[in-house]
Amino acid sequence: MVERKKLKELRIKNNLLQKDVAEVIGITPSYYGMIEQGVRTPTLPVAKKIAEFFNSTIEELFFEDVNNIMLSDKRVINKKLIRK
């Protein structure tokens, strides 16, 4: 599960509820909540709408977290290799 901290921070900074964002971009509040929590990955069109809504880019909102996970995974793999 990837937590989308930026999405939540932007939403709260703009005094919005999940249902407010979901309504504007045309998805259900529960689906938006799952995206924000990292339970679901948005489709490309939905990710684009979210980025446009927050005046941001898909990369800024969604890929930094993925890069952090990849770096974390590399550290775990390296530790396992060192132990062998």
Protein backbone atom coordinates (compact mmCIF):
# COMPACT_ATOMS: atom_id res chain seq x y z
CA MET A 1 0.00 0.00 0.00
CA VAL A 2 1.37 3.39 -1.00
CA GLU A 3 0.21 6.33 1.07
CA ARG A 4 -0.43 9.40 -1.06
CA LYS A 5 0.53 12.04 1.50
CA LYS A 6 0.65 14.82 -1.04
CA LEU A 7 -2.95 14.29 -2.09
CA LYS A 8 -4.21 14.49 1.46
CA GLU A 9 -2.00 17.49 2.29
CA LEU A 10 -3.22 19.41 -0.76
CA ARG A 11 -6.83 18.55 -0.05
CA ILE A 12 -6.63 19.64 3.58
CA LYS A 13 -4.62 22.77 2.70
CA ASN A 14 -7.48 23.78 0.40
CA ASN A 15 -10.13 23.01 3.05
CA LEU A 16 -11.70 20.28 0.95
CA LEU A 17 -13.31 16.98 1.80
CA GLN A 18 -12.64 13.83 -0.20
CA LYS A 19 -16.18 14.03 -1.54
CA ASP A 20 -15.50 17.58 -2.82
CA VAL A 21 -12.52 16.47 -4.88
CA ALA A 22 -14.28 13.31 -6.05
CA GLU A 23 -17.33 15.24 -7.22
CA VAL A 24 -15.31 17.69 -9.29
CA ILE A 25 -13.20 15.02 -11.00
CA GLY A 26 -16.15 12.68 -11.52
CA ILE A 27 -15.41 9.68 -9.31
CA THR A 28 -16.97 8.32 -6.14
CA PRO A 29 -15.74 9.60 -2.78
CA SER A 30 -14.84 6.05 -1.74
CA TYR A 31 -12.69 5.56 -4.85
CA TYR A 32 -10.93 8.88 -4.23
CA GLY A 33 -10.39 7.90 -0.59
CA MET A 34 -8.80 4.62 -1.67
CA ILE A 35 -6.51 6.50 -4.08
CA GLU A 36 -5.52 8.95 -1.36
CA GLN A 37 -4.80 6.09 1.06
CA GLY A 38 -2.81 4.19 -1.55
CA VAL A 39 -5.20 1.23 -1.60
CA ARG A 40 -6.11 1.80 -5.26
CA THR A 41 -4.02 3.12 -8.13
CA PRO A 42 -5.90 5.62 -10.27
CA THR A 43 -6.33 5.10 -13.97
CA LEU A 44 -4.31 7.48 -16.12
CA PRO A 45 -7.35 9.65 -16.96
CA VAL A 46 -8.29 9.91 -13.27
CA ALA A 47 -4.69 10.67 -12.26
CA LYS A 48 -4.63 13.41 -14.89
CA LYS A 49 -7.88 14.92 -13.56
CA ILE A 50 -6.55 14.87 -10.00
CA ALA A 51 -3.30 16.53 -11.09
CA GLU A 52 -5.19 19.20 -13.03
CA PHE A 53 -7.53 19.80 -10.09
CA PHE A 54 -4.58 20.47 -7.77
CA ASN A 55 -2.69 22.42 -10.47
CA SER A 56 0.10 19.87 -10.36
CA THR A 57 1.51 17.04 -12.45
CA ILE A 58 0.95 13.31 -12.29
CA GLU A 59 4.64 12.84 -11.58
CA GLU A 60 4.62 15.19 -8.59
CA LEU A 61 1.56 13.62 -7.05
CA PHE A 62 2.09 9.93 -7.70
CA PHE A 63 5.65 9.01 -8.61
CA GLU A 64 7.72 10.41 -5.77
CA ASP A 65 6.09 7.90 -3.41
CA VAL A 66 6.85 5.08 -5.85
CA ASN A 67 10.50 6.15 -6.04
CA ASN A 68 10.72 6.12 -2.25
CA ILE A 69 9.32 2.60 -2.14
CA MET A 70 11.76 1.46 -4.80
CA LEU A 71 14.66 2.92 -2.80
CA SER A 72 13.37 1.19 0.34
CA ASP A 73 13.06 -2.11 -1.53
CA LYS A 74 16.64 -1.74 -2.80
CA ARG A 75 17.87 -1.29 0.77
CA VAL A 76 16.05 -4.43 1.92
CA ILE A 77 17.43 -6.41 -1.00
CA ASN A 78 20.95 -5.13 -0.36
CA LYS A 79 20.73 -6.10 3.32
CA LYS A 80 19.62 -9.61 2.36
CA LEU A 81 22.48 -9.94 -0.13
CA ILE A 82 25.03 -8.77 2.44
CA ARG A 83 23.82 -11.38 4.94
CA LYS A 84 24.39 -14.25 2.47
